[in-house]
Protein backbone atom coordinates (compact mmCIF):
# COMPACT_ATOMS: atom_id res chain seq x y z
CA MET A 1 -9.57 -12.34 -32.32
CA GLN A 2 -8.79 -12.01 -28.62
CA PRO A 3 -6.69 -14.88 -27.23
CA GLN A 4 -8.17 -17.05 -24.54
CA THR A 5 -5.43 -16.14 -22.06
CA ALA A 6 -6.89 -12.65 -21.69
CA ARG A 7 -10.08 -14.13 -20.23
CA HIS A 8 -8.56 -15.29 -16.96
CA PRO A 9 -7.25 -12.80 -14.39
CA ALA A 10 -4.47 -15.08 -13.16
CA VAL A 11 -3.00 -16.58 -16.33
CA GLU A 12 -1.71 -13.35 -17.84
CA TYR A 13 0.74 -12.42 -15.11
CA GLN A 14 1.67 -15.92 -13.95
CA LYS A 15 4.74 -16.02 -16.20
CA HIS A 16 6.13 -12.73 -14.90
CA VAL A 17 5.41 -13.60 -11.28
CA GLU A 18 7.14 -16.95 -11.66
CA GLN A 19 10.19 -15.21 -13.08
CA ARG A 20 10.37 -12.92 -10.04
CA ARG A 21 10.00 -15.90 -7.72
CA ASN A 22 12.98 -17.57 -9.41
CA GLY A 23 15.09 -14.45 -8.89
CA ILE A 24 14.87 -13.21 -12.50
CA VAL A 25 14.53 -9.44 -12.65
CA VAL A 26 14.58 -6.75 -15.33
CA ARG A 27 17.89 -4.91 -15.54
CA VAL A 28 16.52 -1.50 -16.48
CA LEU A 29 19.84 0.28 -15.97
CA GLU A 30 21.42 -1.80 -18.75
CA ALA A 31 18.49 -1.44 -21.17
CA ASN A 32 18.70 0.00 -24.68
CA TRP A 33 15.63 2.23 -24.53
CA THR A 34 16.04 3.51 -28.08
CA LEU A 35 15.84 -0.04 -29.39
CA PHE A 36 12.94 -0.73 -27.02
CA GLU A 37 10.94 2.20 -28.43
CA LYS A 38 11.69 1.13 -32.00
CA ASN A 39 10.59 -2.47 -31.34
CA LEU A 40 7.46 -1.25 -29.57
CA ILE A 41 6.44 0.90 -32.55
CA GLU A 42 6.82 -2.09 -34.88
CA GLN A 43 4.72 -4.30 -32.63
CA LEU A 44 1.90 -1.77 -32.24
CA LYS A 45 1.73 -1.15 -36.01
CA LYS A 46 0.94 -4.83 -36.52
CA ASN A 47 -2.29 -4.42 -34.52
CA PRO A 48 -4.71 -1.67 -35.62
CA ILE A 49 -6.62 0.34 -33.01
CA THR A 50 -10.00 -1.13 -32.02
CA GLU A 51 -12.81 -0.29 -29.59
CA ASP A 52 -12.43 -3.58 -27.69
CA LEU A 53 -10.98 -2.61 -24.29
CA GLU A 54 -9.77 -6.07 -23.27
CA ASN A 55 -8.15 -6.68 -26.65
CA GLU A 56 -6.49 -3.24 -26.67
CA TRP A 57 -4.99 -3.87 -23.25
CA PHE A 58 -3.75 -7.33 -24.23
CA VAL A 59 -2.14 -6.00 -27.42
CA PHE A 60 -0.47 -3.12 -25.56
CA LYS A 61 0.93 -5.33 -22.82
CA HIS A 62 2.05 -8.09 -25.21
CA SER A 63 3.78 -5.50 -27.40
CA ILE A 64 5.73 -4.15 -24.42
CA PHE A 65 7.06 -7.57 -23.45
CA THR A 66 7.89 -8.49 -27.04
CA ALA A 67 9.77 -5.18 -27.52
CA ALA A 68 11.67 -5.72 -24.28
CA GLU A 69 12.99 -9.17 -25.23
CA GLY A 70 15.83 -7.80 -27.34
CA ALA A 71 16.32 -4.45 -25.66
CA VAL A 72 16.01 -5.00 -21.90
CA PRO A 73 18.30 -7.68 -20.41
CA ARG A 74 17.16 -9.94 -17.62
CA GLY A 75 19.22 -11.39 -14.80
CA LYS A 76 19.17 -12.59 -11.24
CA HIS A 77 19.26 -10.69 -7.98
CA LYS A 78 22.70 -9.75 -6.74
CA LYS A 79 23.74 -11.40 -3.52
CA THR A 80 23.22 -9.16 -0.53
CA ARG A 81 26.03 -8.61 1.92
CA PRO A 82 25.98 -10.45 5.27
CA ALA A 83 24.08 -8.93 8.15
CA PHE A 84 27.34 -8.21 10.02
CA THR A 85 30.70 -7.43 8.45
CA SER A 86 33.93 -6.17 9.99
CA ASP A 87 37.42 -5.29 8.82
CA SER A 88 38.94 -6.00 12.23
CA GLN A 89 42.27 -7.77 11.77
CA ASP A 90 42.02 -9.42 15.20
CA LEU A 91 38.62 -10.88 14.34
CA GLN A 92 39.81 -12.12 10.95
CA LYS A 93 42.76 -13.88 12.59
CA LEU A 94 40.49 -15.61 15.08
CA LEU A 95 38.08 -16.74 12.35
CA ALA A 96 40.97 -18.08 10.25
CA LYS A 97 42.40 -19.90 13.26
CA ARG A 98 39.03 -21.47 14.00
CA GLU A 99 38.58 -22.55 10.38
CA HIS A 100 42.05 -24.17 10.36
CA LEU A 101 41.30 -26.01 13.61
CA LEU A 102 38.00 -27.36 12.25
CA GLN A 103 39.62 -28.64 9.05
CA SER A 104 42.77 -30.18 10.53
CA HIS A 105 41.44 -31.99 13.60
CA ASN A 106 38.79 -34.57 14.34
CA LEU A 107 37.05 -32.91 17.25
CA ASN A 108 35.24 -36.09 18.28
CA ASP A 109 38.52 -37.84 19.19
CA ASN A 110 40.64 -34.89 20.31
CA THR A 111 39.74 -33.37 23.67
CA ASP A 112 42.47 -30.73 23.50
CA ALA A 113 41.21 -29.56 20.09
CA ARG A 114 37.67 -29.17 21.45
CA ILE A 115 38.94 -27.13 24.39
CA GLU A 116 40.94 -24.95 22.04
CA LEU A 117 37.88 -24.47 19.81
CA ASN A 118 35.76 -23.37 22.79
CA LYS A 119 38.43 -20.83 23.73
CA ILE A 120 38.50 -19.43 20.19
CA ASN A 121 34.68 -19.19 20.06
CA ALA A 122 34.71 -17.28 23.36
CA GLU A 123 37.31 -14.87 21.99
CA VAL A 124 35.27 -14.41 18.79
CA LYS A 125 32.14 -13.55 20.78
CA TRP A 126 34.11 -11.09 22.92
CA GLU A 127 35.57 -9.44 19.83
CA TYR A 128 32.11 -9.21 18.22
CA CYS A 129 30.70 -7.50 21.32
CA SER A 130 33.63 -5.08 21.38
CA ILE A 131 33.15 -4.20 17.70
CA LYS A 132 29.42 -3.68 18.12
CA GLN A 133 29.99 -1.46 21.15
CA ASN A 134 32.49 0.66 19.23
CA ASN A 135 30.08 0.90 16.28
CA TRP A 136 27.32 2.07 18.61
CA GLN A 137 29.57 4.73 20.12
CA ASP A 138 30.55 5.95 16.65
CA LEU A 139 26.87 6.12 15.68
CA CYS A 140 25.99 8.18 18.75
CA LYS A 141 28.87 10.57 18.06
CA SER A 142 27.60 11.10 14.50
CA LEU A 143 24.19 12.32 15.71
CA ASP A 144 23.75 16.05 16.17
CA TYR A 145 21.19 18.81 15.59
CA LYS A 146 21.73 18.50 11.83
CA THR A 147 20.69 14.84 11.76
CA PRO A 148 17.49 14.42 9.66
CA ASN A 149 14.34 13.46 11.53
CA THR A 150 13.81 10.49 9.23
CA ARG A 151 17.12 8.96 10.30
CA LEU A 152 16.36 9.50 14.00
CA TRP A 153 12.88 8.01 13.60
CA ARG A 154 14.26 4.96 11.78
CA LEU A 155 16.86 4.46 14.52
CA ALA A 156 14.23 4.73 17.27
CA LYS A 157 11.99 2.17 15.56
CA ASN A 158 14.88 -0.28 15.12
CA LEU A 159 15.79 0.04 18.79
CA ASP A 160 12.19 -0.68 19.80
CA LYS A 161 11.85 -3.65 17.46
CA ILE A 162 11.30 -7.06 19.01
CA GLN A 163 14.25 -9.32 18.20
CA PRO A 164 13.37 -12.60 16.42
CA GLN A 165 15.02 -14.73 19.10
CA VAL A 166 12.64 -13.33 21.74
CA GLU A 167 9.46 -14.32 19.89
CA ASN A 168 7.57 -17.49 20.67
CA THR A 169 7.24 -18.41 17.00
CA ASN A 170 7.75 -16.79 13.60
CA SER A 171 5.30 -19.11 11.84
CA ILE A 172 1.71 -18.13 11.15
CA ILE A 173 -0.81 -20.06 13.22
CA GLY A 174 -3.83 -21.35 11.28
CA THR A 175 -7.46 -21.34 12.34
CA ASN A 176 -6.98 -24.79 13.90
CA GLY A 177 -4.31 -23.44 16.25
CA ILE A 178 -1.44 -25.32 14.56
CA PRO A 179 1.56 -23.41 13.13
CA ILE A 180 1.77 -23.42 9.33
CA VAL A 181 5.26 -24.37 8.20
CA ASN A 182 4.59 -24.42 4.45
CA ASP A 183 4.80 -21.01 2.70
CA LYS A 184 2.10 -21.92 0.17
CA GLU A 185 -0.32 -22.93 2.92
CA ALA A 186 0.51 -19.76 4.86
CA ALA A 187 -0.19 -17.65 1.75
CA ASP A 188 -3.55 -19.40 1.26
CA ALA A 189 -4.43 -18.89 4.92
CA LEU A 190 -3.64 -15.18 4.69
CA GLY A 191 -5.61 -14.87 1.44
CA ASN A 192 -8.66 -16.52 2.99
CA TYR A 193 -8.32 -14.30 6.08
CA TYR A 194 -8.20 -11.08 4.03
CA SER A 195 -11.12 -12.22 1.90
CA GLU A 196 -13.26 -13.01 4.94
CA GLU A 197 -12.31 -9.72 6.59
CA SER A 198 -13.65 -7.82 3.56
CA LYS A 199 -17.16 -9.17 4.15
CA LEU A 200 -19.72 -6.97 5.92
CA ALA A 201 -22.84 -8.09 7.75
CA LEU A 202 -25.53 -6.03 6.01
CA GLY A 203 -29.12 -5.81 7.18
CA ARG A 204 -32.29 -5.48 5.12
CA GLU A 205 -32.15 -1.69 5.01
CA ASN A 206 -28.50 -1.80 3.96
CA LYS A 207 -29.35 -4.15 1.11
CA LYS A 208 -32.05 -1.75 -0.07
CA THR A 209 -29.45 1.02 -0.10
CA GLY A 210 -27.16 -1.22 -2.12
CA ARG A 211 -29.83 -1.90 -4.74
CA ALA A 212 -30.65 1.81 -4.98
CA THR A 213 -26.97 2.66 -5.47
CA ARG A 214 -26.52 0.07 -8.22
CA LYS A 215 -29.59 1.44 -9.97
CA LEU A 216 -28.15 4.93 -9.62
CA ILE A 217 -24.88 3.85 -11.24
CA ARG A 218 -26.67 2.30 -14.21
CA SER A 219 -28.67 5.47 -14.80
CA CYS A 220 -25.75 7.87 -14.21
CA ARG A 221 -24.74 8.36 -17.83
CA ALA A 222 -25.96 11.92 -18.37
CA PRO A 223 -23.28 14.65 -18.62
CA ALA A 224 -22.23 16.04 -15.27
CA SER A 225 -22.37 19.72 -14.37
CA ASN A 226 -18.59 19.69 -13.98
CA GLU A 227 -16.97 19.18 -17.39
CA LEU A 228 -14.00 17.49 -15.71
CA PHE A 229 -16.16 14.39 -15.34
CA ASN A 230 -17.23 14.46 -19.01
CA ASP A 231 -14.16 15.53 -20.99
CA PRO A 232 -11.79 12.89 -22.42
CA ILE A 233 -8.35 12.48 -20.94
CA THR A 234 -5.74 14.64 -22.66
CA SER A 235 -2.16 13.83 -23.59
CA SER A 236 -0.89 16.57 -21.25
CA GLU A 237 -2.66 14.89 -18.31
CA LEU A 238 -1.09 11.55 -19.21
CA LEU A 239 2.40 13.04 -19.56
CA TYR A 240 2.04 14.81 -16.20
CA ALA A 241 0.96 11.54 -14.56
CA ILE A 242 3.98 9.75 -16.05
CA GLN A 243 6.27 12.45 -14.63
CA GLN A 244 4.75 11.88 -11.17
CA LEU A 245 5.13 8.10 -11.45
CA ASP A 246 7.49 6.44 -8.98
CA PHE A 247 9.07 3.95 -11.37
CA LYS A 248 11.14 2.35 -8.59
CA LYS A 249 8.11 0.67 -7.09
CA SER A 250 7.49 -3.02 -7.63
CA PRO A 251 5.38 -3.95 -10.68
CA GLY A 252 1.92 -5.37 -10.21
CA PRO A 253 0.21 -8.44 -11.66
CA ASP A 254 0.86 -7.33 -15.24
CA GLY A 255 4.63 -7.43 -14.70
CA ILE A 256 5.14 -4.06 -16.42
CA HIS A 257 8.01 -2.17 -14.79
CA GLY A 258 7.72 1.57 -14.25
CA GLN A 259 10.72 2.19 -16.51
CA PHE A 260 8.77 0.65 -19.40
CA ILE A 261 6.09 3.33 -18.94
CA VAL A 262 8.63 6.15 -18.71
CA ASN A 263 10.30 5.06 -21.96
CA LEU A 264 7.20 4.31 -24.05
CA GLY A 265 7.80 6.98 -26.68
CA SER A 266 5.17 9.12 -28.42
CA CYS A 267 3.57 6.34 -30.47
CA ALA A 268 2.98 3.95 -27.55
CA THR A 269 1.90 6.84 -25.31
CA LYS A 270 -0.88 7.68 -27.79
CA ARG A 271 -1.97 4.04 -27.77
CA LEU A 272 -2.05 4.06 -23.97
CA LEU A 273 -4.06 7.29 -24.06
CA HIS A 274 -6.57 5.55 -26.33
CA ILE A 275 -6.93 2.74 -23.77
CA PHE A 276 -7.49 5.28 -20.98
CA ASN A 277 -10.16 7.17 -22.92
CA LEU A 278 -11.84 3.91 -23.93
CA SER A 279 -11.99 2.85 -20.28
CA TRP A 280 -13.21 6.34 -19.29
CA LYS A 281 -15.96 6.30 -21.93
CA LEU A 282 -17.16 2.75 -21.21
CA GLY A 283 -17.01 3.21 -17.43
CA ARG A 284 -15.07 0.00 -16.84
CA LEU A 285 -11.51 -1.22 -16.47
CA PRO A 286 -9.60 -4.10 -18.04
CA ARG A 287 -10.05 -7.13 -15.82
CA GLN A 288 -6.36 -7.37 -14.99
CA TRP A 289 -6.35 -3.82 -13.60
CA LYS A 290 -8.68 -5.05 -10.86
CA THR A 291 -6.32 -7.81 -9.73
CA ALA A 292 -3.53 -7.36 -7.21
CA ILE A 293 -0.66 -9.16 -5.55
CA VAL A 294 -1.04 -8.61 -1.82
CA VAL A 295 2.19 -8.49 0.18
CA PRO A 296 1.58 -8.89 3.93
CA ILE A 297 3.77 -6.42 5.86
CA ARG A 298 4.10 -7.14 9.53
CA LYS A 299 3.06 -4.29 11.80
CA PRO A 300 5.67 -3.06 14.31
CA ASN A 301 5.88 -5.08 17.54
CA LYS A 302 2.97 -7.34 16.60
CA ASP A 303 2.79 -11.10 17.12
CA ALA A 304 4.28 -12.83 14.07
CA SER A 305 1.99 -15.85 14.48
CA CYS A 306 -1.26 -13.85 14.23
CA MET A 307 -2.67 -13.20 10.74
CA GLY A 308 -4.14 -9.90 11.93
CA SER A 309 -0.60 -8.63 12.60
CA TYR A 310 0.09 -8.20 8.87
CA ARG A 311 -0.99 -5.17 6.87
CA PRO A 312 -2.08 -6.19 3.33
CA ILE A 313 -0.31 -3.95 0.81
CA ALA A 314 -1.67 -4.40 -2.72
CA LEU A 315 0.67 -4.25 -5.71
CA THR A 316 -1.53 -3.13 -8.61
CA CYS A 317 -0.81 -2.51 -12.28
CA MET A 318 1.36 0.51 -13.08
CA THR A 319 -0.93 1.54 -15.94
CA CYS A 320 -3.95 1.47 -13.64
CA LYS A 321 -2.06 3.68 -11.17
CA LEU A 322 -1.44 6.14 -13.98
CA MET A 323 -5.13 6.43 -14.78
CA GLU A 324 -5.98 6.62 -11.08
CA ARG A 325 -3.60 9.54 -10.75
CA ILE A 326 -5.29 11.37 -13.63
CA ILE A 327 -8.77 10.84 -12.19
CA LEU A 328 -7.57 11.71 -8.68
CA ARG A 329 -6.26 15.03 -9.97
CA ARG A 330 -9.66 15.84 -11.44
CA ILE A 331 -11.55 14.79 -8.31
CA THR A 332 -9.19 16.75 -6.04
CA PHE A 333 -9.57 19.89 -8.14
CA HIS A 334 -13.36 19.48 -8.04
CA LEU A 335 -13.39 19.04 -4.25
CA MET A 336 -10.98 21.89 -3.51
CA ASN A 337 -12.61 24.29 -5.95
CA ARG A 338 -15.98 23.80 -4.22
CA ASN A 339 -14.49 23.54 -0.71
CA MET A 340 -16.24 20.23 -0.07
CA LEU A 341 -13.68 18.58 2.22
CA PRO A 342 -14.19 19.28 5.96
CA GLN A 343 -11.48 21.40 7.54
CA GLU A 344 -11.12 18.84 10.34
CA GLN A 345 -9.64 16.28 7.93
CA TYR A 346 -5.87 16.73 7.59
CA GLY A 347 -5.02 13.37 6.04
CA PHE A 348 -3.99 13.01 2.37
CA ARG A 349 -4.35 16.74 1.71
CA LYS A 350 -1.70 18.99 0.23
CA GLY A 351 -0.30 21.45 2.77
CA HIS A 352 -1.65 19.49 5.76
CA SER A 353 0.35 17.26 8.09
CA THR A 354 0.19 15.55 11.47
CA ILE A 355 2.25 18.39 12.97
CA ASP A 356 -0.43 20.92 11.97
CA GLN A 357 -3.11 18.80 13.63
CA ILE A 358 -1.07 18.38 16.82
CA LEU A 359 -0.28 22.09 17.06
CA TYR A 360 -3.95 22.97 16.59
CA PHE A 361 -5.03 20.59 19.36
CA VAL A 362 -2.34 21.83 21.77
CA GLN A 363 -3.33 25.44 21.13
CA ARG A 364 -7.00 24.68 21.83
CA VAL A 365 -6.03 23.07 25.15
CA ARG A 366 -3.99 26.14 26.12
CA ASP A 367 -6.81 28.50 25.14
CA ALA A 368 -9.25 26.59 27.33
CA HIS A 369 -6.81 26.61 30.24
CA ASN A 370 -6.34 30.39 29.97
CA MET A 371 -10.07 31.11 30.19
CA LYS A 372 -11.63 32.58 33.33
CA PRO A 373 -12.66 30.35 35.00
CA SER A 374 -10.12 27.83 33.74
CA ARG A 375 -11.62 24.98 31.72
CA HIS A 376 -10.52 21.36 31.74
CA THR A 377 -9.99 19.43 28.53
CA MET A 378 -10.99 15.80 28.03
CA ALA A 379 -9.82 14.06 24.86
CA VAL A 380 -10.44 10.61 23.42
CA PHE A 381 -8.06 9.14 20.84
CA LEU A 382 -9.59 6.70 18.35
CA ASP A 383 -8.07 4.42 15.74
CA LEU A 384 -10.42 2.73 13.29
CA THR A 385 -9.59 -0.96 13.00
CA LYS A 386 -9.13 -2.26 9.43
CA ALA A 387 -10.42 1.06 8.14
CA PHE A 388 -9.75 0.55 4.42
CA ASP A 389 -10.94 -3.07 4.49
CA LYS A 390 -14.33 -2.18 6.03
CA VAL A 391 -15.42 0.55 3.61
CA TRP A 392 -18.92 -0.19 2.33
CA LYS A 393 -18.63 0.45 -1.39
CA ASN A 394 -22.29 1.24 -2.05
CA LYS A 395 -22.40 3.82 0.72
CA LEU A 396 -19.21 5.43 -0.59
CA LEU A 397 -20.61 5.66 -4.12
CA GLY A 398 -23.86 7.11 -2.81
CA LYS A 399 -21.96 9.82 -0.92
CA CYS A 400 -19.87 10.61 -4.01
CA PHE A 401 -23.08 11.19 -5.97
CA SER A 402 -25.25 13.02 -3.43
CA GLU A 403 -22.76 14.91 -1.23
CA PHE A 404 -19.80 15.55 -3.53
CA ASP A 405 -21.54 15.83 -6.92
CA ILE A 406 -19.20 13.31 -8.59
CA LYS A 407 -21.24 12.26 -11.60
CA GLY A 408 -20.90 11.84 -15.34
CA ARG A 409 -18.27 9.31 -16.44
CA ALA A 410 -16.45 9.42 -13.10
CA LEU A 411 -19.04 7.61 -10.98
CA PRO A 412 -19.46 4.50 -13.23
CA TRP A 413 -15.67 4.27 -13.53
CA LEU A 414 -15.22 4.43 -9.76
CA SER A 415 -17.95 1.83 -9.31
CA ASP A 416 -16.23 -0.59 -11.67
CA PHE A 417 -12.87 0.19 -10.06
CA MET A 418 -14.14 -1.05 -6.69
CA LYS A 419 -16.20 -4.08 -7.73
CA SER A 420 -15.14 -7.60 -8.76
CA ARG A 421 -11.60 -7.27 -7.41
CA TYR A 422 -9.40 -10.34 -6.97
CA PHE A 423 -6.00 -10.85 -5.39
CA ARG A 424 -3.30 -13.37 -4.61
CA VAL A 425 -1.06 -13.23 -1.54
CA ARG A 426 2.71 -13.41 -1.95
CA TYR A 427 4.20 -14.78 1.25
CA GLN A 428 7.95 -15.38 1.24
CA ASN A 429 8.48 -17.03 -2.18
CA SER A 430 5.01 -18.55 -2.60
CA LEU A 431 1.78 -17.34 -4.19
CA SER A 432 -1.66 -18.19 -2.89
CA GLU A 433 -4.72 -19.16 -4.85
CA ILE A 434 -7.04 -16.45 -6.18
CA PHE A 435 -9.36 -14.81 -3.64
CA LYS A 436 -12.11 -12.23 -3.99
CA THR A 437 -12.44 -8.89 -2.22
CA TYR A 438 -16.08 -8.28 -1.25
CA GLN A 439 -15.92 -4.80 0.31
CA GLY A 440 -13.26 -2.24 1.12
CA ILE A 441 -10.75 -0.35 -1.00
CA PRO A 442 -7.26 -1.68 -1.81
CA GLN A 443 -4.35 -0.46 0.32
CA GLY A 444 -1.60 0.71 -1.97
CA SER A 445 -3.95 2.19 -4.56
CA VAL A 446 -3.59 5.84 -5.63
CA LEU A 447 -7.30 6.63 -5.24
CA SER A 448 -7.91 4.78 -1.97
CA PRO A 449 -6.75 7.48 0.53
CA THR A 450 -8.97 10.16 -1.01
CA LEU A 451 -11.93 7.79 -1.32
CA PHE A 452 -11.55 6.89 2.35
CA SER A 453 -11.56 10.57 3.29
CA LEU A 454 -14.82 11.02 1.39
CA TYR A 455 -16.28 7.98 3.11
CA LEU A 456 -15.41 9.34 6.55
CA THR A 457 -16.80 12.81 5.85
CA GLY A 458 -19.79 13.58 8.08
CA ILE A 459 -18.32 12.25 11.28
CA GLU A 460 -17.48 15.81 12.36
CA ARG A 461 -21.19 16.72 12.41
CA VAL A 462 -22.13 13.80 14.65
CA VAL A 463 -19.83 14.72 17.55
CA SER A 464 -20.82 18.41 17.62
CA PRO A 465 -20.61 20.40 19.92
CA CYS A 466 -17.46 18.41 20.75
CA GLN A 467 -14.45 19.26 18.61
CA ILE A 468 -12.76 16.71 16.41
CA GLY A 469 -9.49 16.30 14.55
CA ILE A 470 -9.01 13.69 11.84
CA PHE A 471 -5.91 12.40 10.10
CA ALA A 472 -6.88 9.52 7.80
CA ASP A 473 -8.25 6.84 10.18
CA ASP A 474 -6.85 8.42 13.36
CA ILE A 475 -9.43 10.52 15.21
CA ILE A 476 -9.30 12.70 18.31
CA VAL A 477 -12.48 14.01 19.97
CA TRP A 478 -12.24 16.59 22.75
CA ASP A 479 -14.31 19.06 24.71
CA HIS A 480 -13.80 21.77 27.35
CA ASN A 481 -15.73 22.45 30.54
CA SER A 482 -15.06 23.79 34.00
CA ASP A 483 -17.13 20.95 35.53
CA LEU A 484 -15.33 17.61 35.19
CA THR A 485 -18.50 15.57 35.84
CA LYS A 486 -20.44 17.27 33.04
CA LEU A 487 -17.41 17.10 30.77
CA GLU A 488 -17.13 13.34 31.19
CA LYS A 489 -20.89 12.87 30.65
CA TYR A 490 -21.03 14.94 27.44
CA THR A 491 -17.90 13.40 25.98
CA GLN A 492 -19.14 9.86 26.66
CA ARG A 493 -22.50 10.59 25.01
CA HIS A 494 -20.98 12.02 21.84
CA LEU A 495 -18.44 9.23 21.73
CA GLY A 496 -21.27 6.69 21.68
CA GLU A 497 -22.87 8.47 18.74
CA ASN A 498 -19.51 8.48 16.99
CA SER A 499 -19.13 4.71 17.41
CA THR A 500 -22.59 4.20 15.91
CA LEU A 501 -21.60 6.11 12.81
CA CYS A 502 -18.33 4.16 12.49
CA ARG A 503 -20.24 0.88 12.46
């Protein structure tokens, strides 16, 4: 019989989240993976295979943690080094002299000792500045034409970063305009903000579309024309997905580390494959797979007190990411084989990058300039605000069915993947209460980028005859004309049509 703990989306991972909050982590580098595999086989043999998806997931997860108790040690985070360290002998002597002065004199009654302390502090500051200046000069000397672009980009971003001492406040300001000093209250405020942001104001016609889409999902059980959306998941697909897994990423609500998945062994891998095929056949996911721990990441150079300055990154279950990767591979093959993705979309596509999009745009500008008579170019750069959070799920599912021919078992599974999702916000060392996501697709999910590209498809037809370039949620619309007045008029008209579609 299924335990009651599997009925609630928050209870199952509370233990593992609490351990991480207390600094207890899994020491995967010291693990005995042979013993782990042996213990896991023994645990799985105690529970025969069933057709109950929730029970199968609970047994699999419980077996992993039980097998890890004697094979994978746990410990606390190692202390990180100070923000600034130096081997300067002069600085060390000054610091030791200051420490001796503080311990051997009562500064409140000794004026000479206070004067001496101020002199030492001034010398320490001067020495610090000198060391930092020398470090900066050494860094500049180390940069040359062989320096990787990633290192240069990271250095440029750090130089442009707003220093904490310059900011007005580093506390989140609540809806009442008062700074929130408690981490738990700040986490709850962020959770409520993200939940409210996922709501969409839908009219009567939109609600009719929603009802039609839900009816379509219920009736979409017939085999699809593409066998990829009917066939069960194979062991080779699962093994390939495990090879592509980034096991260094943080675990999700289930607390299962990526190294656990990599070292499952053949027996546990078959059991996981059974869970995947059961989910694929039923068209639904285990409830815990649809929960997430949202970590707010502050956007560069944004106000720390504003809740909109934090990008919500969702930590989801590793096993769910595995199945997403398998389904994504099938969907991508289906789309590429039928050439269904617009050529204007460069985001999240293999062999396409921002550099390709920039070079294409620059070349089009040069071509227009070289025409006789020379043509001017007018471009408008757009960035969709909260793009992933504002995706209307019913419209996305309808486009998957009608425009991209994603049917069979894939469409019901995608529908269940996007509905009834819950999350908790982890801010500093505190967890919020449970909140619901009403619309949108989770940031940090494997499937979300491709689903967003499908949702945005069609925007290139609206702006025609203007040209358009798309990279994820960044859009550029441009046109050429020898008459600047006409060029401005045409571009403004098509831009208005584009904004209507985006709404």
